[in-house]
Protein backbone atom coordinates (compact mmCIF):
# COMPACT_ATOMS: atom_id res chain seq x y z
CA GLN A 1 24.07 47.22 -12.27
CA VAL A 2 21.73 44.65 -11.72
CA LEU A 3 23.53 43.56 -8.89
CA LYS A 4 24.57 47.14 -7.31
CA ARG A 5 20.53 47.64 -8.16
CA TYR A 6 19.58 45.06 -5.57
CA GLY A 7 21.99 45.81 -3.44
CA LEU A 8 23.70 42.05 -4.43
CA SER A 9 27.46 41.43 -3.45
CA ALA A 10 29.36 40.62 -6.67
CA GLN A 11 31.52 37.94 -5.19
CA GLY A 12 28.88 35.51 -4.85
CA LEU A 13 28.75 35.46 -8.75
CA SER A 14 30.52 32.79 -11.07
CA VAL A 15 30.08 33.27 -14.63
CA TYR A 16 31.94 31.06 -17.44
CA VAL A 17 30.79 32.04 -21.38
CA HIS A 18 32.35 29.71 -23.81
CA GLU A 19 31.49 29.94 -27.97
CA VAL A 20 31.17 26.07 -28.84
CA GLY A 21 34.08 25.06 -31.04
CA GLN A 22 36.25 27.65 -29.96
CA PRO A 23 39.62 27.15 -28.16
CA GLU A 24 39.38 30.05 -25.45
CA ALA A 25 36.69 31.30 -23.51
CA VAL A 26 34.59 34.59 -23.97
CA LEU A 27 34.06 35.29 -20.27
CA VAL A 28 35.64 34.19 -17.05
CA VAL A 29 34.16 35.70 -13.74
CA SER A 30 35.45 33.78 -10.35
CA ALA A 31 35.16 30.58 -12.76
CA ASP A 32 37.50 28.47 -10.50
CA VAL A 33 35.17 29.28 -7.27
CA PRO A 34 33.27 26.24 -5.84
CA ARG A 35 29.43 26.46 -5.72
CA ASN A 36 26.54 25.37 -4.13
CA PRO A 37 24.99 24.69 -7.74
CA ALA A 38 21.50 23.78 -6.81
CA SER A 39 19.48 21.62 -9.89
CA THR A 40 22.08 22.30 -12.73
CA MET A 41 24.05 19.70 -10.79
CA LYS A 42 21.09 17.32 -12.78
CA LEU A 43 23.29 18.21 -16.26
CA LEU A 44 26.49 15.85 -15.35
CA THR A 45 24.23 13.08 -13.72
CA THR A 46 21.80 13.05 -16.49
CA LEU A 47 24.51 13.35 -19.29
CA VAL A 48 26.55 10.73 -17.88
CA ALA A 49 23.60 8.30 -17.59
CA LEU A 50 22.59 9.28 -21.19
CA GLU A 51 26.35 8.32 -22.24
CA GLU A 52 26.53 5.29 -19.80
CA LEU A 53 22.86 3.83 -20.28
CA GLY A 54 22.48 4.94 -23.78
CA PRO A 55 19.06 6.45 -24.88
CA ALA A 56 17.88 2.92 -25.35
CA TYR A 57 17.86 1.79 -22.44
CA THR A 58 14.65 0.61 -20.36
CA TRP A 59 13.87 -0.34 -17.17
CA LYS A 60 11.53 -3.36 -16.12
CA THR A 61 8.78 -3.79 -13.19
CA GLU A 62 8.03 -7.72 -12.62
CA ALA A 63 5.12 -9.25 -11.43
CA TYR A 64 5.44 -13.04 -9.95
CA ALA A 65 3.37 -15.39 -7.83
CA SER A 66 4.57 -17.69 -5.16
CA ALA A 67 1.38 -20.00 -5.83
CA PRO A 68 0.24 -21.45 -9.05
CA VAL A 69 -3.05 -19.11 -10.37
CA ARG A 70 -5.79 -21.63 -10.68
CA ASP A 71 -9.46 -20.53 -11.85
CA GLY A 72 -8.10 -16.93 -11.68
CA VAL A 73 -7.32 -17.75 -7.34
CA LEU A 74 -3.50 -17.01 -6.72
CA ASP A 75 -3.69 -18.91 -3.12
CA GLY A 76 -0.31 -16.97 -2.04
CA ASP A 77 1.54 -13.69 -2.54
CA LEU A 78 2.00 -11.78 -5.17
CA TYR A 79 5.59 -9.91 -5.49
CA ILE A 80 6.78 -6.81 -7.28
CA LYS A 81 10.12 -6.07 -8.27
CA GLY A 82 11.33 -3.18 -9.07
CA TYR A 83 14.91 -1.99 -11.24
CA GLY A 84 14.33 1.54 -10.76
CA ASP A 85 11.54 2.82 -13.08
CA PRO A 86 11.48 6.28 -12.56
CA TYR A 87 8.60 6.91 -14.25
CA LEU A 88 6.33 4.47 -12.90
CA VAL A 89 3.70 6.85 -12.88
CA ILE A 90 -0.15 5.85 -11.80
CA GLU A 91 -1.10 5.41 -15.44
CA HIS A 92 1.70 2.93 -16.41
CA PHE A 93 1.20 1.24 -12.97
CA TRP A 94 -2.41 0.98 -13.58
CA ARG A 95 -1.87 -0.55 -16.92
CA PHE A 96 1.16 -3.17 -15.22
CA LEU A 97 -1.91 -4.10 -12.90
CA ARG A 98 -4.33 -4.29 -15.61
CA ALA A 99 -2.04 -6.60 -17.61
CA LEU A 100 -2.40 -9.31 -14.37
CA ARG A 101 -6.49 -8.68 -14.77
CA LYS A 102 -6.29 -9.18 -18.58
CA GLY A 103 -4.30 -12.33 -17.95
CA GLY A 104 -6.52 -14.06 -15.58
CA LEU A 105 -5.67 -13.11 -12.08
CA THR A 106 -9.05 -12.35 -10.09
CA GLU A 107 -8.21 -12.66 -6.42
CA ILE A 108 -5.03 -12.69 -4.56
CA ARG A 109 -5.24 -14.61 -1.18
CA GLY A 110 -2.01 -13.69 0.25
CA ASP A 111 -0.08 -10.75 0.81
CA LEU A 112 1.51 -8.25 -1.45
CA VAL A 113 5.27 -8.44 -1.26
CA ILE A 114 7.51 -5.51 -2.47
CA ASP A 115 11.18 -6.35 -3.84
CA GLN A 116 13.15 -3.21 -3.43
CA GLY A 117 16.38 -5.45 -3.59
CA PHE A 118 17.49 -3.75 -6.78
CA PHE A 119 18.54 -0.93 -4.55
CA GLY A 120 20.21 -0.43 -1.45
CA PRO A 121 18.63 1.50 1.13
CA ALA A 122 18.89 5.49 0.55
CA ALA A 123 20.73 7.52 2.72
CA GLY A 124 19.15 9.74 5.18
CA GLN A 125 15.37 10.52 5.59
CA PRO A 126 12.70 12.34 3.46
CA ASP A 127 12.82 15.27 6.18
CA ASP A 128 16.79 15.80 6.51
CA PHE A 129 16.73 18.46 3.72
CA ASP A 130 14.49 21.01 4.85
CA ARG A 131 12.51 18.96 7.64
CA SER A 132 9.61 18.75 5.10
CA PRO A 133 8.55 15.23 4.76
CA HIS A 134 5.20 15.67 3.08
CA ARG A 135 6.79 17.68 0.10
CA ALA A 136 7.34 15.52 -3.20
CA TYR A 137 10.38 17.30 -4.31
CA ASN A 138 12.22 15.33 -0.87
CA VAL A 139 10.77 11.59 -2.02
CA GLN A 140 13.82 9.02 -1.11
CA PRO A 141 14.82 7.20 -4.54
CA HIS A 142 13.40 2.99 -4.54
CA ALA A 143 13.71 0.16 -6.76
CA LEU A 144 9.87 0.07 -6.70
CA LEU A 145 8.47 3.65 -7.11
CA VAL A 146 4.83 4.39 -7.76
CA ASN A 147 3.81 7.43 -8.98
CA TYR A 148 6.57 9.61 -7.10
CA GLN A 149 4.78 8.54 -4.14
CA ALA A 150 2.74 11.47 -4.18
CA VAL A 151 -0.81 12.26 -3.91
CA ASN A 152 -2.22 15.11 -6.17
CA PHE A 153 -5.35 16.66 -3.87
CA ARG A 154 -7.23 18.22 -6.47
CA PHE A 155 -9.28 21.34 -5.10
CA LEU A 156 -12.41 22.55 -6.92
CA PRO A 157 -14.75 25.35 -5.72
CA GLN A 158 -18.42 24.81 -5.90
CA PRO A 159 -20.20 27.70 -5.02
CA ARG A 160 -23.47 26.46 -5.29
CA GLN A 161 -23.21 24.34 -2.37
CA GLN A 162 -20.85 26.70 -0.74
CA ARG A 163 -17.91 24.02 -0.52
CA VAL A 164 -14.43 23.14 -2.10
CA GLN A 165 -14.54 19.60 -2.89
CA ILE A 166 -10.97 17.77 -2.44
CA VAL A 167 -10.37 15.04 -4.70
CA ALA A 168 -7.24 12.82 -4.36
CA ASP A 169 -5.70 11.10 -7.09
CA PRO A 170 -4.50 8.60 -6.38
CA GLN A 171 -6.00 7.97 -3.55
CA PRO A 172 -4.38 5.15 -1.41
CA ALA A 173 -6.83 2.70 -0.35
CA GLN A 174 -5.97 3.48 3.92
CA LEU A 175 -6.71 7.47 3.51
CA ALA A 176 -9.26 9.76 4.05
CA ILE A 177 -10.04 13.18 4.12
CA ASP A 178 -11.48 15.25 6.55
CA ASN A 179 -12.18 18.76 4.90
CA ARG A 180 -12.72 21.40 6.98
CA VAL A 181 -12.09 24.21 4.65
CA ARG A 182 -14.37 26.99 4.32
CA LEU A 183 -15.05 28.14 0.52
CA THR A 184 -15.22 32.24 -0.05
CA ASN A 185 -15.59 34.93 -2.48
CA GLY A 186 -12.32 37.19 -1.31
CA PRO A 187 -9.22 37.50 -3.29
CA CYS A 188 -7.00 34.54 -4.34
CA GLY A 189 -4.49 34.03 -1.51
CA GLY A 190 -2.24 32.01 -2.93
CA GLY A 191 -4.93 28.76 -3.55
CA ALA A 192 -4.51 24.72 -2.11
CA ARG A 193 -1.13 26.07 -0.85
CA ALA A 194 -3.04 28.41 1.90
CA VAL A 195 -4.75 25.49 3.16
CA GLY A 196 -3.82 23.86 6.39
CA MET A 197 -3.02 20.47 5.73
CA ARG A 198 -1.84 18.17 8.90
CA THR A 199 -2.73 13.90 10.10
CA ALA A 200 -4.77 13.46 12.54
CA ASP A 201 -2.23 10.98 13.23
CA ARG A 202 0.92 10.21 12.74
CA ALA A 203 0.39 6.51 11.61
CA GLY A 204 0.42 7.39 7.84
CA LEU A 205 3.93 7.56 7.53
CA VAL A 206 4.70 4.61 9.95
CA ASN A 207 2.26 1.62 9.38
CA ALA A 208 -0.43 0.65 6.93
CA ALA A 209 -3.39 1.26 9.28
CA SER A 210 -6.08 3.98 8.24
CA PHE A 211 -5.17 7.64 8.45
CA THR A 212 -6.55 10.58 7.68
CA MET A 213 -5.36 14.35 6.29
CA VAL A 214 -6.66 16.98 7.95
CA PHE A 215 -7.54 20.11 5.42
CA SER A 216 -8.70 23.55 6.81
CA GLY A 217 -8.70 26.98 6.29
CA ARG A 218 -10.10 29.42 3.67
CA TYR A 219 -10.28 28.77 -0.21
CA SER A 220 -11.42 31.65 -2.70
CA THR A 221 -13.65 30.51 -5.35
CA HIS A 222 -11.50 32.80 -7.64
CA CYS A 223 -8.84 30.61 -6.96
CA GLY A 224 -10.45 28.26 -9.37
CA GLY A 225 -9.28 24.65 -9.66
CA ASP A 226 -5.94 23.80 -8.32
CA ASP A 227 -3.78 21.26 -7.29
CA PHE A 228 -1.65 20.15 -4.52
CA TYR A 229 0.94 17.50 -4.45
CA ARG A 230 1.74 15.89 -1.16
CA VAL A 231 3.41 12.48 0.25
CA VAL A 232 1.35 11.37 2.43
CA ALA A 233 2.65 7.89 3.24
CA GLY A 234 5.86 5.81 3.21
CA PRO A 235 6.71 3.75 0.02
CA GLY A 236 5.09 0.86 1.17
CA ASN A 237 2.88 1.90 2.50
CA TYR A 238 1.52 3.84 -0.79
CA ILE A 239 2.20 1.36 -2.89
CA HIS A 240 0.13 -1.14 -0.61
CA GLY A 241 -3.03 1.49 -0.58
CA VAL A 242 -2.79 2.38 -4.06
CA PHE A 243 -2.65 -1.42 -5.39
CA LYS A 244 -5.67 -2.07 -3.64
CA THR A 245 -7.86 0.61 -4.63
CA LEU A 246 -6.44 0.19 -8.18
CA TRP A 247 -7.03 -3.59 -8.07
CA GLN A 248 -10.77 -3.10 -6.89
CA GLU A 249 -11.61 -0.72 -9.11
CA MET A 250 -10.34 -3.68 -11.65
CA GLY A 251 -13.21 -5.91 -10.15
CA GLY A 252 -10.46 -7.93 -8.17
CA ARG A 253 -10.27 -9.24 -4.58
CA PHE A 254 -7.53 -8.63 -2.39
CA ALA A 255 -7.73 -7.99 1.68
CA GLY A 256 -3.76 -8.82 2.05
CA GLY A 257 -0.97 -7.21 3.78
CA MET A 258 2.26 -5.88 3.09
CA ARG A 259 5.48 -6.55 3.30
CA GLU A 260 9.13 -6.42 1.87
CA ALA A 261 11.13 -9.44 0.61
CA PRO A 262 12.97 -10.65 -1.94
CA VAL A 263 11.27 -12.81 -4.96
CA PRO A 264 12.17 -16.35 -4.18
CA ASP A 265 13.29 -18.66 -5.82
CA GLY A 266 10.23 -20.83 -8.18
CA ALA A 267 8.27 -18.01 -8.15
CA VAL A 268 6.10 -17.70 -11.81
CA LEU A 269 6.43 -14.36 -13.51
CA LEU A 270 3.01 -13.25 -14.52
CA HIS A 271 3.95 -10.14 -16.24
CA ALA A 272 7.00 -7.90 -17.02
CA ALA A 273 6.18 -4.29 -18.22
CA THR A 274 9.50 -1.49 -19.28
CA SER A 275 9.20 1.78 -18.90
CA PRO A 276 10.03 4.62 -21.84
CA PRO A 277 12.81 4.96 -22.95
CA LEU A 278 16.00 7.04 -21.32
CA SER A 279 15.50 9.52 -24.05
CA GLU A 280 12.60 10.25 -23.26
CA LEU A 281 12.55 10.37 -19.53
CA ILE A 282 15.67 12.83 -19.38
CA ARG A 283 13.38 15.75 -20.58
CA PHE A 284 11.14 15.28 -17.55
CA VAL A 285 13.99 15.38 -15.12
CA ASN A 286 15.56 18.31 -17.03
CA LYS A 287 12.43 20.35 -18.07
CA HIS A 288 11.01 20.20 -15.19
CA SER A 289 13.76 18.92 -12.84
CA ASN A 290 12.85 16.25 -10.99
CA ASN A 291 14.71 15.25 -8.09
CA VAL A 292 14.17 11.81 -7.44
CA MET A 293 13.75 10.98 -10.94
CA THR A 294 17.59 12.34 -10.86
CA ARG A 295 18.33 10.12 -8.36
CA GLN A 296 16.80 7.01 -9.78
CA PHE A 297 18.94 7.64 -12.61
CA LEU A 298 21.88 7.74 -10.10
CA LEU A 299 21.13 4.44 -8.57
CA THR A 300 20.46 2.72 -11.36
CA LEU A 301 24.32 3.73 -13.06
CA GLY A 302 25.54 2.20 -9.58
CA ALA A 303 23.60 -1.00 -10.30
CA GLU A 304 24.04 -1.20 -13.55
CA LYS A 305 28.45 -0.75 -13.78
CA TYR A 306 28.90 -2.24 -10.23
CA GLY A 307 26.23 -4.47 -9.77
CA ALA A 308 23.01 -4.22 -7.68
CA PRO A 309 22.01 -3.13 -4.91
CA GLY A 310 22.54 0.31 -6.66
CA THR A 311 23.64 2.83 -4.00
CA GLU A 312 24.52 6.37 -4.35
CA GLU A 313 28.28 5.88 -3.56
CA LYS A 314 28.66 3.25 -6.89
CA GLY A 315 26.92 6.03 -8.60
CA ILE A 316 29.00 8.84 -7.54
CA ALA A 317 31.99 6.05 -8.79
CA VAL A 318 30.33 6.48 -12.36
CA ILE A 319 30.38 9.93 -12.90
CA GLN A 320 33.83 10.40 -11.61
CA GLU A 321 34.94 6.77 -13.73
CA TRP A 322 33.04 8.79 -16.88
CA LEU A 323 34.75 12.38 -16.04
CA ARG A 324 38.28 10.53 -16.08
CA GLN A 325 37.69 8.97 -19.46
CA HIS A 326 36.99 12.26 -20.74
CA GLY A 327 40.03 14.10 -19.46
CA LEU A 328 37.62 16.28 -17.00
CA GLU A 329 39.70 16.53 -13.61
CA PHE A 330 36.95 18.70 -11.48
CA ALA A 331 39.22 18.52 -8.08
CA GLU A 332 36.30 21.17 -6.43
CA LEU A 333 33.40 18.57 -7.22
CA VAL A 334 31.48 17.26 -4.19
CA LEU A 335 28.31 15.40 -5.43
CA GLU A 336 25.78 13.77 -2.23
CA ASN A 337 22.84 12.62 -4.93
CA GLY A 338 23.34 13.83 -8.09
CA SER A 339 19.83 16.07 -8.52
CA GLY A 340 21.35 19.45 -6.88
CA LEU A 341 18.92 19.28 -3.71
CA SER A 342 21.38 19.29 -1.33
CA ARG A 343 23.15 22.01 0.99
CA GLU A 344 26.72 19.93 0.33
CA GLU A 345 26.96 19.88 -3.84
CA ARG A 346 29.66 21.95 -5.14
CA ILE A 347 31.22 22.67 -8.65
CA SER A 348 32.56 25.66 -10.31
CA ALA A 349 31.33 27.34 -13.03
CA ARG A 350 34.05 26.52 -15.55
CA HIS A 351 33.68 22.50 -14.97
CA LEU A 352 29.66 23.01 -15.45
CA GLY A 353 30.82 24.73 -18.45
CA GLU A 354 32.92 22.23 -19.40
CA VAL A 355 30.43 19.45 -19.12
CA LEU A 356 28.14 21.22 -21.83
CA LEU A 357 31.07 21.21 -24.13
CA ALA A 358 31.83 17.62 -23.60
CA ALA A 359 28.02 17.39 -24.13
CA TRP A 360 27.90 19.23 -27.18
CA GLN A 361 30.76 16.48 -28.69
CA SER A 362 28.65 13.63 -27.38
CA PRO A 363 26.96 11.54 -29.95
CA TYR A 364 23.70 11.69 -28.19
CA MET A 365 23.87 16.04 -28.07
CA PRO A 366 20.39 16.22 -29.80
CA GLU A 367 18.79 13.85 -26.93
CA PHE A 368 20.38 15.79 -24.35
CA LEU A 369 20.16 19.62 -25.29
CA ALA A 370 16.47 18.74 -26.13
CA SER A 371 15.90 18.01 -22.27
CA LEU A 372 16.93 21.57 -21.17
CA PRO A 373 13.83 23.90 -20.89
CA ILE A 374 13.37 26.11 -23.60
CA LEU A 375 13.53 30.23 -22.23
CA SER A 376 10.61 31.66 -22.21
CA MET A 377 8.44 28.49 -23.54
CA ASP A 378 8.63 25.58 -21.48
CA GLY A 379 9.79 23.63 -18.16
CA THR A 380 10.94 25.86 -15.48
CA LEU A 381 11.50 28.39 -18.02
CA LYS A 382 7.75 28.60 -19.59
CA ARG A 383 6.95 31.94 -17.04
CA ARG A 384 10.43 33.40 -17.75
CA SER A 385 10.19 36.58 -19.80
CA GLY A 386 12.52 36.23 -22.02
CA GLY A 387 12.43 39.33 -24.59
CA SER A 388 13.71 39.13 -27.61
CA LEU A 389 15.70 36.14 -26.28
CA ALA A 390 12.93 33.62 -26.02
CA GLY A 391 13.04 30.82 -27.65
CA ARG A 392 16.89 31.33 -28.17
CA ALA A 393 18.31 29.68 -25.38
CA HIS A 394 18.06 26.07 -23.70
CA LEU A 395 18.96 26.31 -20.02
CA LYS A 396 19.30 24.50 -17.12
CA THR A 397 18.27 26.15 -13.99
CA GLY A 398 18.48 25.94 -10.33
CA SER A 399 17.34 27.26 -6.81
CA LEU A 400 17.81 26.89 -3.27
CA ASN A 401 17.67 29.66 -0.21
CA HIS A 402 20.48 32.24 -1.66
CA VAL A 403 21.17 29.90 -4.40
CA ARG A 404 20.38 30.93 -7.99
CA SER A 405 21.96 29.10 -10.89
CA GLN A 406 21.52 28.77 -14.96
CA ALA A 407 23.36 26.74 -17.25
CA GLY A 408 23.07 25.68 -20.93
CA VAL A 409 23.38 27.11 -24.51
CA LEU A 410 22.20 30.59 -26.04
CA LEU A 411 21.96 31.15 -29.79
CA ASP A 412 23.10 34.76 -30.60
CA GLU A 413 22.10 37.16 -32.82
CA ARG A 414 25.41 36.24 -34.83
CA GLY A 415 24.14 32.47 -34.75
CA ARG A 416 26.48 31.52 -32.89
CA ARG A 417 26.36 28.85 -29.61
CA MET A 418 27.09 30.27 -26.62
CA VAL A 419 27.42 27.63 -23.80
CA VAL A 420 26.37 30.09 -20.67
CA VAL A 421 26.73 29.17 -16.84
CA ALA A 422 25.69 31.55 -14.00
CA LEU A 423 26.65 30.35 -10.42
CA HIS A 424 24.81 32.67 -7.66
CA ASN A 425 25.73 31.73 -3.92
CA ALA A 426 24.68 34.98 -1.99
CA ALA A 427 22.37 36.71 1.21
CA GLY A 428 20.00 38.44 -0.89
CA VAL A 429 19.57 36.52 -3.71
CA ASP A 430 15.82 35.59 -4.78
CA THR A 431 13.77 34.53 -7.99
CA THR A 432 13.38 37.89 -8.98
CA THR A 433 16.76 39.30 -8.17
CA GLY A 434 18.54 36.20 -9.39
CA GLU A 435 17.02 36.05 -13.14
CA GLN A 436 17.35 39.93 -13.58
CA VAL A 437 20.91 39.19 -12.68
CA GLN A 438 20.76 36.01 -15.56
CA ASN A 439 18.67 37.87 -17.84
CA ALA A 440 21.18 41.10 -18.00
CA LEU A 441 24.20 38.47 -18.68
CA LEU A 442 22.24 36.55 -21.65
CA ALA A 443 21.26 39.95 -22.79
CA TRP A 444 24.87 40.73 -23.20
CA VAL A 445 26.10 37.61 -24.39
CA TYR A 446 23.17 37.53 -27.13
CA GLN A 447 24.32 41.16 -28.20
CA ARG A 448 28.59 40.74 -27.64
CA PRO A 449 30.28 42.43 -30.65
């Protein structure tokens, strides 16, 4: 009925429903057709990472000096080596640098040198997917990835001054803001996302020279404060700029440049930090559908199982081997980066359901299930109305142009745990129509006799 109401073809919808612990599926509709799963593909990548790396797995980040530190002065280069930490957010990077300051390092007279050797170069370019290299979801994985390589531009209307304040957090040292935004009193027309943004030149994505972000357009006081996350520099330039800003804020001195090179033999280890465990980070991935964190997982799998440098090919090989070990033969499976941010990735609804059933048998099932968004409560499902089903389903969602998907576990009205998968690939399917179809399916599963 919902498909008919919105004029959607039933041929583009695959459904698989299976009660946990039962031998046969409850509902099978085109379940063996390969579909683009969008971000529901993260279920496979994160489950394999949890099982192969273990819930207590942590990532390292190390700092080395190319010369002894004397009286707080490093008369040489500072090396930072990354091991793929997917959650080296700004506060964690600040603590990392703070540990160097507390260790006695005040002045760095050489360069900042980044060792990215634990991962191989990412395939493709940030603009390959949709020609939007400034979008945070297109960030490429790197062994040293700081704060997802993103800047949060915070828009703060100031009616008394008749202006909009724009604050960058973090603000790389080479970044300047040219604020041409006019404050208005009209209706909110999209907030920060409706404001125009461009680079004054192309230097921001090419070299470490100073560059300017120009903001223009109108912003209404009725929008209140709003956040706007964007990528404004390449990984090396970004790390260099953020490092310089934070280091100087801490009272340190640094005027050097940036380059990439491996840590040399004989370098002195100054500090090593560890990330939170994988069991915690998997929640950030699935709750908020973080693409680059998923890709960091995939490359880490490759590096740990087949040796550094980690590559997508090695990571995919680990997933394929895990499937074989669990007796799961997915002939139609196509993996590109494991995150679902792909036009090429494919899996069937039945096999995605079998991944969830395998997760239920995993010793780490509680950690895995707890990583999924809860219907109407958090993550990507926080604003989705579930009605009487609110809180009764843990579901991963996926969204691309003409693709809407969901996969997870629903507790029905009789207390049965139901694996529910819906992969919808059809012209005309969007957020509204896709959710209506998915909600109708969940309601049927919840109330079925």
